[in-house]
All heavy atoms as atom14 arrays in JSON, in Angstrom:
{
  "sequence": "RLSLQDKAEAALKKAVRGVVEHHKKTGRPLAIWENGKTV",
  "atom14_mask": [
    [1, 1, 1, 1, 1, 1, 1, 1, 1, 1, 1, 0, 0, 0],
    [1, 1, 1, 1, 1, 1, 1, 1, 0, 0, 0, 0, 0, 0],
    [1, 1, 1, 1, 1, 1, 0, 0, 0, 0, 0, 0, 0, 0],
    [1, 1, 1, 1, 1, 1, 1, 1, 0, 0, 0, 0, 0, 0],
    [1, 1, 1, 1, 1, 1, 1, 1, 1, 0, 0, 0, 0, 0],
    [1, 1, 1, 1, 1, 1, 1, 1, 0, 0, 0, 0, 0, 0],
    [1, 1, 1, 1, 1, 1, 1, 1, 1, 0, 0, 0, 0, 0],
    [1, 1, 1, 1, 1, 0, 0, 0, 0, 0, 0, 0, 0, 0],
    [1, 1, 1, 1, 1, 1, 1, 1, 1, 0, 0, 0, 0, 0],
    [1, 1, 1, 1, 1, 0, 0, 0, 0, 0, 0, 0, 0, 0],
    [1, 1, 1, 1, 1, 0, 0, 0, 0, 0, 0, 0, 0, 0],
    [1, 1, 1, 1, 1, 1, 1, 1, 0, 0, 0, 0, 0, 0],
    [1, 1, 1, 1, 1, 1, 1, 1, 1, 0, 0, 0, 0, 0],
    [1, 1, 1, 1, 1, 1, 1, 1, 1, 0, 0, 0, 0, 0],
    [1, 1, 1, 1, 1, 0, 0, 0, 0, 0, 0, 0, 0, 0],
    [1, 1, 1, 1, 1, 1, 1, 0, 0, 0, 0, 0, 0, 0],
    [1, 1, 1, 1, 1, 1, 1, 1, 1, 1, 1, 0, 0, 0],
    [1, 1, 1, 1, 0, 0, 0, 0, 0, 0, 0, 0, 0, 0],
    [1, 1, 1, 1, 1, 1, 1, 0, 0, 0, 0, 0, 0, 0],
    [1, 1, 1, 1, 1, 1, 1, 0, 0, 0, 0, 0, 0, 0],
    [1, 1, 1, 1, 1, 1, 1, 1, 1, 0, 0, 0, 0, 0],
    [1, 1, 1, 1, 1, 1, 1, 1, 1, 1, 0, 0, 0, 0],
    [1, 1, 1, 1, 1, 1, 1, 1, 1, 1, 0, 0, 0, 0],
    [1, 1, 1, 1, 1, 1, 1, 1, 1, 0, 0, 0, 0, 0],
    [1, 1, 1, 1, 1, 1, 1, 1, 1, 0, 0, 0, 0, 0],
    [1, 1, 1, 1, 1, 1, 1, 0, 0, 0, 0, 0, 0, 0],
    [1, 1, 1, 1, 0, 0, 0, 0, 0, 0, 0, 0, 0, 0],
    [1, 1, 1, 1, 1, 1, 1, 1, 1, 1, 1, 0, 0, 0],
    [1, 1, 1, 1, 1, 1, 1, 0, 0, 0, 0, 0, 0, 0],
    [1, 1, 1, 1, 1, 1, 1, 1, 0, 0, 0, 0, 0, 0],
    [1, 1, 1, 1, 1, 0, 0, 0, 0, 0, 0, 0, 0, 0],
    [1, 1, 1, 1, 1, 1, 1, 1, 0, 0, 0, 0, 0, 0],
    [1, 1, 1, 1, 1, 1, 1, 1, 1, 1, 1, 1, 1, 1],
    [1, 1, 1, 1, 1, 1, 1, 1, 1, 0, 0, 0, 0, 0],
    [1, 1, 1, 1, 1, 1, 1, 1, 0, 0, 0, 0, 0, 0],
    [1, 1, 1, 1, 0, 0, 0, 0, 0, 0, 0, 0, 0, 0],
    [1, 1, 1, 1, 1, 1, 1, 1, 1, 0, 0, 0, 0, 0],
    [1, 1, 1, 1, 1, 1, 1, 0, 0, 0, 0, 0, 0, 0],
    [1, 1, 1, 1, 1, 1, 1, 0, 0, 0, 0, 0, 0, 0]
  ],
  "atom14_positions": [
    [[-52.51, 3.46, 116.87], [-53.06, 3.29, 118.17], [-53.71, 1.96, 118.19], [-54.46, 1.49, 117.31], [-54.13, 4.34, 118.53], [-53.51, 5.74, 118.75], [-54.47, 6.73, 118.96], [-55.41, 6.34, 120.03], [-55.79, 7.12, 120.94], [-55.33, 8.33, 121.12], [-56.56, 6.73, 121.93], [0.0, 0.0, 0.0], [0.0, 0.0, 0.0], [0.0, 0.0, 0.0]],
    [[-53.39, 1.08, 119.24], [-53.94, -0.24, 119.39], [-55.32, -0.2, 120.04], [-55.52, 0.53, 120.98], [-53.0, -1.11, 120.13], [-51.61, -1.34, 119.57], [-50.77, -2.14, 120.48], [-51.69, -2.05, 118.25], [0.0, 0.0, 0.0], [0.0, 0.0, 0.0], [0.0, 0.0, 0.0], [0.0, 0.0, 0.0], [0.0, 0.0, 0.0], [0.0, 0.0, 0.0]],
    [[-56.1, -1.0, 119.59], [-57.47, -1.18, 120.26], [-57.29, -1.97, 121.51], [-56.26, -2.58, 121.65], [-58.51, -1.86, 119.36], [-58.05, -3.3, 119.17], [0.0, 0.0, 0.0], [0.0, 0.0, 0.0], [0.0, 0.0, 0.0], [0.0, 0.0, 0.0], [0.0, 0.0, 0.0], [0.0, 0.0, 0.0], [0.0, 0.0, 0.0], [0.0, 0.0, 0.0]],
    [[-58.33, -1.87, 122.34], [-58.28, -2.65, 123.61], [-58.12, -4.22, 123.31], [-57.38, -4.82, 124.08], [-59.53, -2.45, 124.42], [-59.63, -3.13, 125.79], [-58.42, -2.75, 126.62], [-60.87, -2.77, 126.47], [0.0, 0.0, 0.0], [0.0, 0.0, 0.0], [0.0, 0.0, 0.0], [0.0, 0.0, 0.0], [0.0, 0.0, 0.0], [0.0, 0.0, 0.0]],
    [[-58.75, -4.68, 122.21], [-58.6, -6.07, 121.82], [-57.25, -6.37, 121.43], [-56.68, -7.44, 121.81], [-59.6, -6.34, 120.81], [-59.58, -7.86, 120.26], [-60.57, -8.21, 119.2], [-61.47, -7.42, 118.87], [-60.42, -9.31, 118.66], [0.0, 0.0, 0.0], [0.0, 0.0, 0.0], [0.0, 0.0, 0.0], [0.0, 0.0, 0.0], [0.0, 0.0, 0.0]],
    [[-56.49, -5.52, 120.71], [-55.13, -5.74, 120.32], [-54.2, -5.71, 121.48], [-53.35, -6.56, 121.54], [-54.67, -4.7, 119.28], [-55.43, -4.76, 117.94], [-55.88, -5.88, 117.57], [-55.54, -3.74, 117.26], [0.0, 0.0, 0.0], [0.0, 0.0, 0.0], [0.0, 0.0, 0.0], [0.0, 0.0, 0.0], [0.0, 0.0, 0.0], [0.0, 0.0, 0.0]],
    [[-54.48, -4.87, 122.41], [-53.64, -4.88, 123.65], [-53.81, -6.1, 124.46], [-52.79, -6.57, 124.94], [-53.98, -3.66, 124.48], [-53.59, -2.32, 123.83], [-54.08, -1.13, 124.74], [-53.7, 0.17, 124.16], [-54.16, 1.33, 125.04], [0.0, 0.0, 0.0], [0.0, 0.0, 0.0], [0.0, 0.0, 0.0], [0.0, 0.0, 0.0], [0.0, 0.0, 0.0]],
    [[-55.06, -6.56, 124.57], [-55.3, -7.8, 125.33], [-54.6, -8.97, 124.67], [-54.14, -9.89, 125.34], [-56.79, -7.98, 125.44], [0.0, 0.0, 0.0], [0.0, 0.0, 0.0], [0.0, 0.0, 0.0], [0.0, 0.0, 0.0], [0.0, 0.0, 0.0], [0.0, 0.0, 0.0], [0.0, 0.0, 0.0], [0.0, 0.0, 0.0], [0.0, 0.0, 0.0]],
    [[-54.77, -9.02, 123.35], [-54.13, -10.23, 122.66], [-52.59, -10.21, 122.78], [-51.97, -11.19, 122.95], [-54.52, -10.15, 121.16], [-54.03, -11.29, 120.36], [-54.59, -11.28, 118.95], [-55.59, -10.63, 118.71], [-53.94, -11.88, 118.06], [0.0, 0.0, 0.0], [0.0, 0.0, 0.0], [0.0, 0.0, 0.0], [0.0, 0.0, 0.0], [0.0, 0.0, 0.0]],
    [[-52.02, -8.98, 122.65], [-50.51, -8.94, 122.85], [-50.12, -9.3, 124.27], [-49.1, -10.0, 124.4], [-50.08, -7.52, 122.56], [0.0, 0.0, 0.0], [0.0, 0.0, 0.0], [0.0, 0.0, 0.0], [0.0, 0.0, 0.0], [0.0, 0.0, 0.0], [0.0, 0.0, 0.0], [0.0, 0.0, 0.0], [0.0, 0.0, 0.0], [0.0, 0.0, 0.0]],
    [[-50.87, -8.95, 125.26], [-50.65, -9.27, 126.7], [-50.78, -10.8, 126.91], [-49.96, -11.4, 127.57], [-51.57, -8.57, 127.62], [0.0, 0.0, 0.0], [0.0, 0.0, 0.0], [0.0, 0.0, 0.0], [0.0, 0.0, 0.0], [0.0, 0.0, 0.0], [0.0, 0.0, 0.0], [0.0, 0.0, 0.0], [0.0, 0.0, 0.0], [0.0, 0.0, 0.0]],
    [[-51.73, -11.37, 126.31], [-51.92, -12.82, 126.39], [-50.77, -13.65, 125.8], [-50.26, -14.55, 126.26], [-53.27, -13.28, 125.82], [-53.67, -14.78, 125.85], [-53.72, -15.22, 127.26], [-54.88, -15.07, 125.08], [0.0, 0.0, 0.0], [0.0, 0.0, 0.0], [0.0, 0.0, 0.0], [0.0, 0.0, 0.0], [0.0, 0.0, 0.0], [0.0, 0.0, 0.0]],
    [[-50.37, -13.13, 124.61], [-49.25, -13.8, 123.91], [-47.99, -13.72, 124.68], [-47.2, -14.69, 124.83], [-49.0, -13.24, 122.54], [-50.12, -13.67, 121.56], [-49.86, -13.04, 120.08], [-50.94, -13.4, 119.13], [-50.67, -12.81, 117.79], [0.0, 0.0, 0.0], [0.0, 0.0, 0.0], [0.0, 0.0, 0.0], [0.0, 0.0, 0.0], [0.0, 0.0, 0.0]],
    [[-47.76, -12.56, 125.31], [-46.65, -12.41, 126.09], [-46.58, -13.23, 127.35], [-45.54, -13.9, 127.71], [-46.44, -10.88, 126.5], [-45.23, -10.55, 127.37], [-45.22, -9.07, 127.78], [-44.01, -8.81, 128.55], [-43.92, -7.42, 129.0], [0.0, 0.0, 0.0], [0.0, 0.0, 0.0], [0.0, 0.0, 0.0], [0.0, 0.0, 0.0], [0.0, 0.0, 0.0]],
    [[-47.8, -13.43, 128.0], [-47.88, -14.28, 129.12], [-47.59, -15.73, 128.81], [-47.04, -16.43, 129.53], [-49.31, -14.03, 129.66], [0.0, 0.0, 0.0], [0.0, 0.0, 0.0], [0.0, 0.0, 0.0], [0.0, 0.0, 0.0], [0.0, 0.0, 0.0], [0.0, 0.0, 0.0], [0.0, 0.0, 0.0], [0.0, 0.0, 0.0], [0.0, 0.0, 0.0]],
    [[-48.15, -16.25, 127.65], [-48.02, -17.58, 127.12], [-46.58, -17.85, 126.89], [-45.92, -18.86, 127.31], [-48.87, -17.85, 125.99], [-48.57, -19.16, 125.4], [-50.39, -17.88, 126.35], [0.0, 0.0, 0.0], [0.0, 0.0, 0.0], [0.0, 0.0, 0.0], [0.0, 0.0, 0.0], [0.0, 0.0, 0.0], [0.0, 0.0, 0.0], [0.0, 0.0, 0.0]],
    [[-45.86, -16.93, 126.2], [-44.4, -17.12, 126.06], [-43.7, -17.21, 127.38], [-42.78, -18.07, 127.44], [-43.84, -15.84, 125.21], [-43.88, -15.93, 123.81], [-43.08, -14.94, 123.04], [-43.42, -13.61, 123.4], [-44.27, -12.85, 122.92], [-45.04, -13.25, 121.91], [-44.55, -11.56, 123.36], [0.0, 0.0, 0.0], [0.0, 0.0, 0.0], [0.0, 0.0, 0.0]],
    [[-44.06, -16.38, 128.34], [-43.37, -16.52, 129.66], [-43.58, -17.83, 130.21], [-42.58, -18.37, 130.84], [0.0, 0.0, 0.0], [0.0, 0.0, 0.0], [0.0, 0.0, 0.0], [0.0, 0.0, 0.0], [0.0, 0.0, 0.0], [0.0, 0.0, 0.0], [0.0, 0.0, 0.0], [0.0, 0.0, 0.0], [0.0, 0.0, 0.0], [0.0, 0.0, 0.0]],
    [[-44.76, -18.35, 130.21], [-45.15, -19.65, 130.91], [-44.29, -20.75, 130.15], [-43.73, -21.68, 130.79], [-46.64, -19.93, 130.81], [-46.93, -21.39, 131.2], [-47.39, -19.01, 131.75], [0.0, 0.0, 0.0], [0.0, 0.0, 0.0], [0.0, 0.0, 0.0], [0.0, 0.0, 0.0], [0.0, 0.0, 0.0], [0.0, 0.0, 0.0], [0.0, 0.0, 0.0]],
    [[-44.31, -20.75, 128.84], [-43.61, -21.77, 128.11], [-42.09, -21.76, 128.4], [-41.45, -22.75, 128.72], [-43.82, -21.59, 126.56], [-42.81, -22.52, 125.75], [-45.24, -21.91, 126.27], [0.0, 0.0, 0.0], [0.0, 0.0, 0.0], [0.0, 0.0, 0.0], [0.0, 0.0, 0.0], [0.0, 0.0, 0.0], [0.0, 0.0, 0.0], [0.0, 0.0, 0.0]],
    [[-41.48, -20.56, 128.44], [-40.09, -20.38, 128.76], [-39.78, -20.82, 130.25], [-38.81, -21.56, 130.48], [-39.64, -18.92, 128.67], [-39.61, -18.43, 127.26], [-39.2, -16.97, 127.28], [-38.86, -16.34, 128.28], [-39.37, -16.33, 126.17], [0.0, 0.0, 0.0], [0.0, 0.0, 0.0], [0.0, 0.0, 0.0], [0.0, 0.0, 0.0], [0.0, 0.0, 0.0]],
    [[-40.67, -20.6, 131.18], [-40.49, -21.02, 132.53], [-40.51, -22.48, 132.64], [-39.63, -23.15, 133.28], [-41.52, -20.46, 133.39], [-41.58, -20.83, 134.84], [-40.58, -20.39, 135.7], [-42.38, -21.68, 135.46], [-40.74, -20.93, 136.87], [-41.78, -21.71, 136.78], [0.0, 0.0, 0.0], [0.0, 0.0, 0.0], [0.0, 0.0, 0.0], [0.0, 0.0, 0.0]],
    [[-41.47, -23.24, 132.01], [-41.58, -24.67, 132.06], [-40.34, -25.2, 131.39], [-39.9, -26.2, 131.87], [-42.89, -25.15, 131.35], [-44.09, -25.0, 132.17], [-44.53, -26.11, 132.82], [-44.77, -24.05, 132.54], [-45.6, -25.77, 133.57], [-45.81, -24.52, 133.36], [0.0, 0.0, 0.0], [0.0, 0.0, 0.0], [0.0, 0.0, 0.0], [0.0, 0.0, 0.0]],
    [[-39.91, -24.66, 130.25], [-38.65, -25.23, 129.57], [-37.52, -25.11, 130.48], [-36.6, -25.99, 130.67], [-38.4, -24.53, 128.32], [-37.48, -25.12, 127.4], [-37.44, -24.62, 126.04], [-36.5, -25.29, 125.16], [-36.48, -24.79, 123.82], [0.0, 0.0, 0.0], [0.0, 0.0, 0.0], [0.0, 0.0, 0.0], [0.0, 0.0, 0.0], [0.0, 0.0, 0.0]],
    [[-37.37, -23.94, 131.13], [-36.06, -23.68, 132.01], [-36.22, -24.54, 133.29], [-35.2, -25.0, 133.69], [-36.21, -22.13, 132.49], [-35.04, -21.76, 133.09], [-35.01, -20.25, 133.62], [-35.28, -19.37, 132.39], [-35.33, -17.91, 132.83], [0.0, 0.0, 0.0], [0.0, 0.0, 0.0], [0.0, 0.0, 0.0], [0.0, 0.0, 0.0], [0.0, 0.0, 0.0]],
    [[-37.36, -24.82, 133.85], [-37.39, -25.6, 135.1], [-37.54, -27.08, 134.82], [-37.55, -27.86, 135.74], [-38.66, -25.09, 135.92], [-39.8, -25.26, 135.17], [-38.43, -23.72, 136.4], [0.0, 0.0, 0.0], [0.0, 0.0, 0.0], [0.0, 0.0, 0.0], [0.0, 0.0, 0.0], [0.0, 0.0, 0.0], [0.0, 0.0, 0.0], [0.0, 0.0, 0.0]],
    [[-37.7, -27.45, 133.53], [-37.77, -28.98, 133.22], [-39.13, -29.54, 133.54], [-39.27, -30.76, 133.63], [0.0, 0.0, 0.0], [0.0, 0.0, 0.0], [0.0, 0.0, 0.0], [0.0, 0.0, 0.0], [0.0, 0.0, 0.0], [0.0, 0.0, 0.0], [0.0, 0.0, 0.0], [0.0, 0.0, 0.0], [0.0, 0.0, 0.0], [0.0, 0.0, 0.0]],
    [[-40.25, -28.74, 133.77], [-41.57, -29.26, 134.03], [-42.33, -29.45, 132.75], [-42.15, -28.61, 131.85], [-42.29, -28.28, 134.94], [-41.54, -28.22, 136.31], [-42.17, -27.2, 137.11], [-43.52, -27.48, 137.45], [-44.4, -26.66, 137.87], [-44.13, -25.45, 137.95], [-45.66, -27.01, 138.15], [0.0, 0.0, 0.0], [0.0, 0.0, 0.0], [0.0, 0.0, 0.0]],
    [[-43.12, -30.52, 132.69], [-43.97, -30.64, 131.44], [-44.97, -29.58, 131.35], [-45.38, -29.01, 132.3], [-44.56, -32.08, 131.63], [-44.49, -32.38, 133.06], [-43.3, -31.61, 133.63], [0.0, 0.0, 0.0], [0.0, 0.0, 0.0], [0.0, 0.0, 0.0], [0.0, 0.0, 0.0], [0.0, 0.0, 0.0], [0.0, 0.0, 0.0], [0.0, 0.0, 0.0]],
    [[-45.38, -29.27, 130.12], [-46.29, -28.28, 129.92], [-47.63, -28.91, 129.51], [-47.71, -29.78, 128.6], [-45.87, -27.46, 128.71], [-46.75, -26.2, 128.27], [-46.76, -25.22, 129.42], [-46.13, -25.57, 127.09], [0.0, 0.0, 0.0], [0.0, 0.0, 0.0], [0.0, 0.0, 0.0], [0.0, 0.0, 0.0], [0.0, 0.0, 0.0], [0.0, 0.0, 0.0]],
    [[-48.76, -28.59, 130.13], [-50.08, -29.13, 129.94], [-50.78, -28.27, 128.89], [-50.81, -27.06, 128.97], [-50.95, -29.24, 131.15], [0.0, 0.0, 0.0], [0.0, 0.0, 0.0], [0.0, 0.0, 0.0], [0.0, 0.0, 0.0], [0.0, 0.0, 0.0], [0.0, 0.0, 0.0], [0.0, 0.0, 0.0], [0.0, 0.0, 0.0], [0.0, 0.0, 0.0]],
    [[-51.27, -28.94, 127.82], [-52.06, -28.28, 126.67], [-53.4, -28.99, 126.53], [-53.56, -30.16, 126.92], [-51.23, -28.09, 125.43], [-50.99, -29.52, 124.82], [-50.07, -27.4, 125.6], [-50.56, -29.53, 123.42], [0.0, 0.0, 0.0], [0.0, 0.0, 0.0], [0.0, 0.0, 0.0], [0.0, 0.0, 0.0], [0.0, 0.0, 0.0], [0.0, 0.0, 0.0]],
    [[-54.31, -28.39, 125.86], [-55.61, -29.04, 125.54], [-55.49, -29.36, 124.03], [-55.24, -28.45, 123.16], [-56.65, -28.01, 125.78], [-58.06, -28.52, 125.61], [-58.93, -28.33, 124.56], [-58.77, -29.31, 126.55], [-60.12, -28.88, 124.77], [-60.0, -29.59, 126.01], [-58.45, -29.87, 127.73], [-61.0, -30.32, 126.64], [-59.49, -30.58, 128.43], [-60.69, -30.9, 127.93]],
    [[-55.75, -30.6, 123.77], [-55.66, -31.06, 122.33], [-56.74, -32.17, 122.08], [-56.74, -33.22, 122.79], [-54.19, -31.64, 122.13], [-53.99, -32.1, 120.68], [-52.55, -32.46, 120.52], [-52.17, -33.63, 120.97], [-51.69, -31.73, 119.91], [0.0, 0.0, 0.0], [0.0, 0.0, 0.0], [0.0, 0.0, 0.0], [0.0, 0.0, 0.0], [0.0, 0.0, 0.0]],
    [[-57.52, -31.96, 121.1], [-58.61, -32.77, 120.73], [-59.47, -33.26, 121.86], [-59.83, -34.47, 122.0], [-57.98, -34.13, 120.09], [-57.24, -33.86, 118.74], [-57.62, -32.91, 118.11], [-56.21, -34.58, 118.56], [0.0, 0.0, 0.0], [0.0, 0.0, 0.0], [0.0, 0.0, 0.0], [0.0, 0.0, 0.0], [0.0, 0.0, 0.0], [0.0, 0.0, 0.0]],
    [[-59.85, -32.29, 122.71], [-60.69, -32.54, 123.88], [-60.12, -33.24, 124.99], [-60.77, -33.72, 125.91], [0.0, 0.0, 0.0], [0.0, 0.0, 0.0], [0.0, 0.0, 0.0], [0.0, 0.0, 0.0], [0.0, 0.0, 0.0], [0.0, 0.0, 0.0], [0.0, 0.0, 0.0], [0.0, 0.0, 0.0], [0.0, 0.0, 0.0], [0.0, 0.0, 0.0]],
    [[-58.77, -33.28, 125.01], [-58.11, -33.98, 126.13], [-56.88, -33.18, 126.62], [-56.32, -32.42, 125.83], [-57.54, -35.33, 125.69], [-58.68, -36.49, 125.33], [-58.06, -37.67, 125.0], [-59.29, -38.71, 124.66], [-58.7, -39.95, 124.28], [0.0, 0.0, 0.0], [0.0, 0.0, 0.0], [0.0, 0.0, 0.0], [0.0, 0.0, 0.0], [0.0, 0.0, 0.0]],
    [[-56.52, -33.38, 127.79], [-55.3, -32.65, 128.27], [-54.13, -33.63, 128.0], [-54.08, -34.8, 128.16], [-55.4, -32.62, 129.89], [-56.58, -31.84, 130.16], [-54.16, -31.72, 130.43], [0.0, 0.0, 0.0], [0.0, 0.0, 0.0], [0.0, 0.0, 0.0], [0.0, 0.0, 0.0], [0.0, 0.0, 0.0], [0.0, 0.0, 0.0], [0.0, 0.0, 0.0]],
    [[-53.1, -32.93, 127.36], [-51.86, -33.64, 126.92], [-50.72, -32.9, 127.67], [-50.54, -31.71, 127.7], [-51.77, -33.53, 125.47], [-50.4, -34.24, 125.02], [-52.91, -34.11, 124.7], [0.0, 0.0, 0.0], [0.0, 0.0, 0.0], [0.0, 0.0, 0.0], [0.0, 0.0, 0.0], [0.0, 0.0, 0.0], [0.0, 0.0, 0.0], [0.0, 0.0, 0.0]]
  ]
}
């Protein structure tokens, strides 16, 4: 049985994968946070 925290983490990972796939498919750049700046 998964804890609520485990379920939330799995849902977040799935959502991030979907966003990355969408940006790659549509050819749009992906914004990330790196060293205190948006890249």
